[in-house]
Amino acid sequence: MKISILAPDKKIFTGEAVAVTLPSVNGSFTALENHAPIVSLLNKGQILVQAIENGGKQTFDIQGGFVEISDNSVTACVEIL
């Protein structure tokens, strides 16, 4: 699935991943391939991206934001710490 993490002034991450964990206002959740469409507010916390290329994991500390998941695409617009 395609992941895009964007801040107001720059792209933080773009790439393919097998999973992404996000700190929603209702608790953290993990999105996998074919996740149901959703729009959610994000709390302060960490986004964890499990990349396809090398199986590595990357984390990004955020202050908050929102995420849209649709058609195997995750787009998070965030404020970074």
Protein backbone atom coordinates (compact mmCIF):
# COMPACT_ATOMS: atom_id res chain seq x y z
CA MET A 1 0.00 0.00 0.00
CA LYS A 2 1.15 3.53 -0.71
CA ILE A 3 2.00 5.72 2.29
CA SER A 4 2.33 9.52 2.24
CA ILE A 5 3.10 11.48 5.41
CA LEU A 6 2.97 15.21 4.79
CA ALA A 7 3.70 18.27 6.94
CA PRO A 8 2.59 21.78 5.95
CA ASP A 9 6.06 22.62 4.63
CA LYS A 10 7.47 19.28 3.39
CA LYS A 11 7.00 15.61 2.56
CA ILE A 12 8.11 13.52 5.53
CA PHE A 13 7.74 10.09 3.95
CA THR A 14 6.43 8.57 0.74
CA GLY A 15 6.74 4.92 -0.20
CA GLU A 16 5.26 1.45 -0.13
CA ALA A 17 4.55 -0.37 3.13
CA VAL A 18 2.90 -3.51 4.41
CA ALA A 19 1.45 -1.76 7.48
CA VAL A 20 1.20 1.62 9.17
CA THR A 21 0.23 2.24 12.80
CA LEU A 22 -1.32 5.60 13.61
CA PRO A 23 -2.17 7.38 16.92
CA SER A 24 -5.87 8.17 16.43
CA VAL A 25 -7.93 10.17 18.94
CA ASN A 26 -9.80 6.91 19.68
CA GLY A 27 -6.59 4.92 20.23
CA SER A 28 -3.86 3.61 17.96
CA PHE A 29 -4.79 1.45 14.99
CA THR A 30 -2.92 -0.39 12.28
CA ALA A 31 -3.86 -0.20 8.62
CA LEU A 32 -3.03 -3.13 6.35
CA GLU A 33 -3.66 -3.70 2.65
CA ASN A 34 -7.36 -3.44 1.70
CA HIS A 35 -8.24 -1.48 4.87
CA ALA A 36 -11.75 -0.04 4.88
CA PRO A 37 -11.95 3.63 3.83
CA ILE A 38 -11.63 5.97 6.82
CA VAL A 39 -10.85 9.55 7.77
CA SER A 40 -9.59 10.05 11.32
CA LEU A 41 -8.08 12.72 13.53
CA LEU A 42 -4.62 11.95 14.89
CA ASN A 43 -3.30 12.62 18.39
CA LYS A 44 0.21 13.39 19.52
CA GLY A 45 2.26 10.22 19.24
CA GLN A 46 4.20 8.10 16.77
CA ILE A 47 3.43 6.84 13.30
CA LEU A 48 5.10 3.47 12.64
CA VAL A 49 5.66 2.49 9.01
CA GLN A 50 6.67 -1.10 8.17
CA ALA A 51 8.33 -0.75 4.78
CA ILE A 52 8.27 -3.30 1.97
CA GLU A 53 11.74 -2.73 0.49
CA ASN A 54 13.91 -3.98 3.34
CA GLY A 55 11.38 -5.01 5.97
CA GLY A 56 12.59 -2.10 8.09
CA LYS A 57 10.47 0.04 10.37
CA GLN A 58 10.47 3.82 10.60
CA THR A 59 8.82 5.97 13.24
CA PHE A 60 7.75 9.59 13.01
CA ASP A 61 6.85 11.70 16.06
CA ILE A 62 3.82 13.89 15.42
CA GLN A 63 1.93 16.58 17.32
CA GLY A 64 -1.40 15.73 15.65
CA GLY A 65 -3.18 15.85 12.31
CA PHE A 66 -5.52 13.69 10.27
CA VAL A 67 -5.35 10.64 8.02
CA GLU A 68 -7.34 9.40 5.04
CA ILE A 69 -7.22 5.75 4.01
CA SER A 70 -8.76 4.70 0.71
CA ASP A 71 -7.96 2.30 -2.15
CA ASN A 72 -4.72 0.98 -0.56
CA SER A 73 -3.45 4.53 -0.10
CA VAL A 74 -2.74 6.17 3.27
CA THR A 75 -2.30 9.94 3.36
CA ALA A 76 -1.49 11.55 6.72
CA CYS A 77 -1.32 15.32 7.06
CA VAL A 78 0.51 16.01 10.30
CA GLU A 79 2.24 18.58 12.44
CA ILE A 80 5.66 17.32 13.43
CA LEU A 81 7.28 17.83 16.81
